[in-house]
Amino acid sequence: MSGDEEDVEMDGKEEDEEDEHDHDHGDCDSCDGHDHDQDHDEEEEEEEPSPDLHITHSGSPSADLTLLLHLLHMDRQTVKSILSSPESLFQFREQLQSGGWTVSSSSTSSPSISPSPAISTPSPITQAVLLQTAELARKKLEAYPTTLEEDREMLKKVEKEGEGDVPLRWALILRIGEKVALERAVGKVVKRGGGCCDHC
């Protein structure tokens, strides 16, 4: 048997083995009864969850947005301390959500962050976060082609038509909900007496 014939026979054997393995995976010990291609696709689809940056229905920033805005208003040394480990970042996020925290720093040691009892007057950073949230909400409201009142009127007309434009009805309900949340965010600053912008 020549070398070329051996190559042909070997290629034929490899193809036969692949054909034997290309089956339903029902009783295959070598593949554990699962689909290799599906596992590979699932691994590719797994992505890091993106931060949840939105304004809630109550008009408050989400936990991730609250965290981001606080970090943007802090000094570098404090931010570096918070970001030193996932645990410290998670702890700070939890403290923000529980309603109180204090930052104390000294030139000789790294800053420490600890919960504090809720106080009636927010810290300067919390005030800055409220102002920035309100400004983000105001800009988002201005970007809509219609006002909240116009959307409510449009919804009334659509609902009067009965089974009219169902997708439009749900789109209006969603947009009205978003605008109510954004107006609440602006209202929180106005009630506290701080303008979120030049004309607030």
Protein backbone atom coordinates (compact mmCIF):
# COMPACT_ATOMS: atom_id res chain seq x y z
CA MET A 1 0.00 0.00 0.00
CA SER A 2 1.46 3.35 -1.03
CA GLY A 3 1.63 6.49 1.13
CA ASP A 4 -1.12 8.18 -0.92
CA GLU A 5 -3.46 5.22 -0.37
CA GLU A 6 -2.80 5.34 3.38
CA ASP A 7 -3.69 9.05 3.40
CA VAL A 8 -6.93 8.35 1.58
CA GLU A 9 -7.82 5.55 3.99
CA MET A 10 -7.00 7.71 7.01
CA ASP A 11 -9.11 10.57 5.65
CA GLY A 12 -11.96 8.15 5.13
CA LYS A 13 -11.70 6.88 8.71
CA GLU A 14 -11.70 10.43 10.12
CA GLU A 15 -14.82 11.29 8.12
CA ASP A 16 -16.54 8.12 9.36
CA GLU A 17 -15.68 9.02 12.98
CA GLU A 18 -17.06 12.55 12.50
CA ASP A 19 -20.25 11.12 10.95
CA GLU A 20 -20.64 8.71 13.87
CA HIS A 21 -20.28 11.59 16.33
CA ASP A 22 -22.64 13.86 14.35
CA HIS A 23 -25.88 12.50 15.78
CA ASP A 24 -28.64 13.37 18.16
CA HIS A 25 -26.36 13.27 21.24
CA GLY A 26 -28.97 11.10 22.94
CA ASP A 27 -26.64 8.31 24.07
CA CYS A 28 -23.17 9.59 23.37
CA ASP A 29 -20.74 9.14 26.26
CA SER A 30 -18.05 11.27 24.70
CA CYS A 31 -20.19 14.43 24.46
CA ASP A 32 -22.32 14.10 27.61
CA GLY A 33 -25.53 14.43 25.62
CA HIS A 34 -25.31 18.16 24.97
CA ASP A 35 -24.94 20.36 21.93
CA HIS A 36 -21.39 21.72 21.64
CA ASP A 37 -22.41 24.43 19.17
CA GLN A 38 -25.17 25.64 21.50
CA ASP A 39 -22.74 25.83 24.45
CA HIS A 40 -20.34 27.89 22.34
CA ASP A 41 -23.13 30.26 21.28
CA GLU A 42 -24.23 30.73 24.90
CA GLU A 43 -20.67 31.58 25.95
CA GLU A 44 -20.46 34.23 23.23
CA GLU A 45 -23.83 35.73 24.22
CA GLU A 46 -22.85 36.15 27.89
CA GLU A 47 -21.92 39.79 28.35
CA GLU A 48 -21.22 42.00 31.29
CA PRO A 49 -24.44 43.59 32.52
CA SER A 50 -24.54 47.26 31.69
CA PRO A 51 -25.15 49.78 34.48
CA ASP A 52 -28.77 50.65 35.15
CA LEU A 53 -28.66 54.42 34.62
CA HIS A 54 -32.18 55.83 34.72
CA ILE A 55 -34.52 58.00 36.75
CA THR A 56 -37.06 55.95 38.68
CA HIS A 57 -40.82 56.50 38.71
CA SER A 58 -40.45 58.43 41.98
CA GLY A 59 -38.09 60.89 40.27
CA SER A 60 -34.96 59.62 42.00
CA PRO A 61 -31.86 58.40 40.22
CA SER A 62 -31.43 54.62 40.08
CA ALA A 63 -28.86 53.03 42.39
CA ASP A 64 -26.22 52.91 39.64
CA LEU A 65 -26.91 56.48 38.53
CA THR A 66 -26.78 57.67 42.16
CA LEU A 67 -23.42 55.96 42.58
CA LEU A 68 -22.01 57.39 39.34
CA LEU A 69 -23.13 60.94 40.09
CA HIS A 70 -21.70 60.82 43.62
CA LEU A 71 -18.36 59.56 42.32
CA LEU A 72 -18.26 62.36 39.75
CA HIS A 73 -18.60 64.98 42.51
CA MET A 74 -16.00 63.56 44.91
CA ASP A 75 -12.31 64.28 45.21
CA ARG A 76 -9.84 61.87 43.63
CA GLN A 77 -8.51 60.44 46.88
CA THR A 78 -11.99 59.48 48.07
CA VAL A 79 -12.92 57.99 44.70
CA LYS A 80 -9.68 55.99 44.67
CA SER A 81 -10.51 54.63 48.12
CA ILE A 82 -14.04 53.65 47.07
CA LEU A 83 -12.80 51.98 43.88
CA SER A 84 -9.97 50.14 45.66
CA SER A 85 -11.99 46.90 45.71
CA PRO A 86 -15.36 45.62 44.51
CA GLU A 87 -16.37 45.18 48.16
CA SER A 88 -15.77 48.83 49.05
CA LEU A 89 -17.62 49.98 45.93
CA PHE A 90 -20.56 47.70 46.76
CA GLN A 91 -20.54 48.90 50.39
CA PHE A 92 -20.62 52.54 49.29
CA ARG A 93 -23.45 51.82 46.85
CA GLU A 94 -25.43 50.17 49.64
CA GLN A 95 -24.77 53.10 52.00
CA LEU A 96 -26.06 55.53 49.40
CA GLN A 97 -29.22 53.49 49.02
CA SER A 98 -29.74 53.24 52.78
CA GLY A 99 -29.89 57.00 53.00
CA GLY A 100 -26.76 58.26 54.67
CA TRP A 101 -23.00 58.33 54.60
CA THR A 102 -20.12 60.53 55.66
CA VAL A 103 -16.68 61.00 54.18
CA SER A 104 -13.80 61.85 56.43
CA SER A 105 -10.29 62.23 55.10
CA SER A 106 -6.93 63.28 56.40
CA SER A 107 -3.66 63.94 54.66
CA THR A 108 -1.90 61.09 56.48
CA SER A 109 -4.38 58.29 55.92
CA SER A 110 -6.78 57.16 53.25
CA PRO A 111 -10.33 58.48 53.49
CA SER A 112 -12.87 56.37 55.30
CA ILE A 113 -16.51 56.14 54.36
CA SER A 114 -19.13 55.22 56.89
CA PRO A 115 -22.90 55.35 57.21
CA SER A 116 -24.39 58.27 59.06
CA PRO A 117 -27.88 58.84 60.37
CA ALA A 118 -30.25 60.50 57.95
CA ILE A 119 -30.20 64.27 58.27
CA SER A 120 -32.72 66.81 57.06
CA THR A 121 -30.16 68.87 55.11
CA PRO A 122 -28.38 66.89 52.40
CA SER A 123 -24.62 67.09 52.09
CA PRO A 124 -23.15 69.38 49.41
CA ILE A 125 -22.42 66.34 47.22
CA THR A 126 -25.98 65.04 47.60
CA GLN A 127 -27.29 68.49 46.70
CA ALA A 128 -25.05 68.52 43.62
CA VAL A 129 -26.36 65.05 42.67
CA LEU A 130 -29.96 66.25 43.03
CA LEU A 131 -29.23 69.29 40.86
CA GLN A 132 -27.50 67.21 38.21
CA THR A 133 -30.32 64.63 38.20
CA ALA A 134 -32.84 67.43 37.73
CA GLU A 135 -30.78 68.94 34.93
CA LEU A 136 -30.55 65.56 33.16
CA ALA A 137 -34.32 65.15 33.56
CA ARG A 138 -35.00 68.66 32.25
CA LYS A 139 -32.85 68.06 29.16
CA LYS A 140 -34.58 64.76 28.51
CA LEU A 141 -38.00 66.43 28.81
CA GLU A 142 -36.94 69.13 26.35
CA ALA A 143 -35.84 66.47 23.85
CA TYR A 144 -39.38 65.07 23.54
CA PRO A 145 -41.36 66.48 20.59
CA THR A 146 -44.48 66.83 22.76
CA THR A 147 -45.27 67.95 26.29
CA LEU A 148 -46.79 65.80 29.01
CA GLU A 149 -50.11 67.64 28.63
CA GLU A 150 -50.15 67.06 24.87
CA ASP A 151 -49.50 63.34 25.38
CA ARG A 152 -52.33 63.10 27.91
CA GLU A 153 -54.71 64.80 25.45
CA MET A 154 -53.59 62.49 22.66
CA LEU A 155 -54.15 59.47 24.92
CA LYS A 156 -57.68 60.64 25.72
CA LYS A 157 -58.46 60.87 21.99
CA VAL A 158 -57.01 57.42 21.29
CA GLU A 159 -58.99 55.88 24.17
CA LYS A 160 -62.21 57.51 22.96
CA GLU A 161 -61.78 55.66 19.67
CA GLY A 162 -62.07 52.37 21.57
CA GLU A 163 -60.09 49.65 19.80
CA GLY A 164 -58.27 52.19 17.64
CA ASP A 165 -54.50 52.37 17.51
CA VAL A 166 -53.43 49.98 20.28
CA PRO A 167 -49.65 50.36 19.72
CA LEU A 168 -50.00 54.16 19.86
CA ARG A 169 -52.01 53.89 23.08
CA TRP A 170 -49.29 51.82 24.79
CA ALA A 171 -46.53 54.07 23.42
CA LEU A 172 -48.31 57.09 24.89
CA ILE A 173 -48.79 55.36 28.26
CA LEU A 174 -45.07 54.56 28.36
CA ARG A 175 -44.02 58.07 27.34
CA ILE A 176 -46.39 59.67 29.87
CA GLY A 177 -44.89 57.49 32.61
CA GLU A 178 -41.37 58.52 31.62
CA LYS A 179 -42.31 62.20 31.59
CA VAL A 180 -44.03 61.99 34.99
CA ALA A 181 -40.83 60.49 36.47
CA LEU A 182 -38.68 63.18 34.85
CA GLU A 183 -40.96 65.97 36.09
CA ARG A 184 -40.77 64.53 39.60
CA ALA A 185 -36.96 64.66 39.41
CA VAL A 186 -37.11 68.35 38.43
CA GLY A 187 -39.76 68.99 41.08
CA LYS A 188 -37.59 67.62 43.88
CA VAL A 189 -35.04 70.36 43.29
CA VAL A 190 -37.62 73.10 42.83
CA LYS A 191 -39.30 72.14 46.14
CA ARG A 192 -35.94 72.39 47.93
CA GLY A 193 -35.51 75.88 46.53
CA GLY A 194 -32.48 75.21 44.36
CA GLY A 195 -32.89 75.82 40.64
CA CYS A 196 -31.74 73.02 38.38
CA CYS A 197 -30.90 75.56 35.71
CA ASP A 198 -31.06 79.28 34.92
CA HIS A 199 -34.81 79.28 34.31
CA CYS A 200 -35.89 76.96 37.16
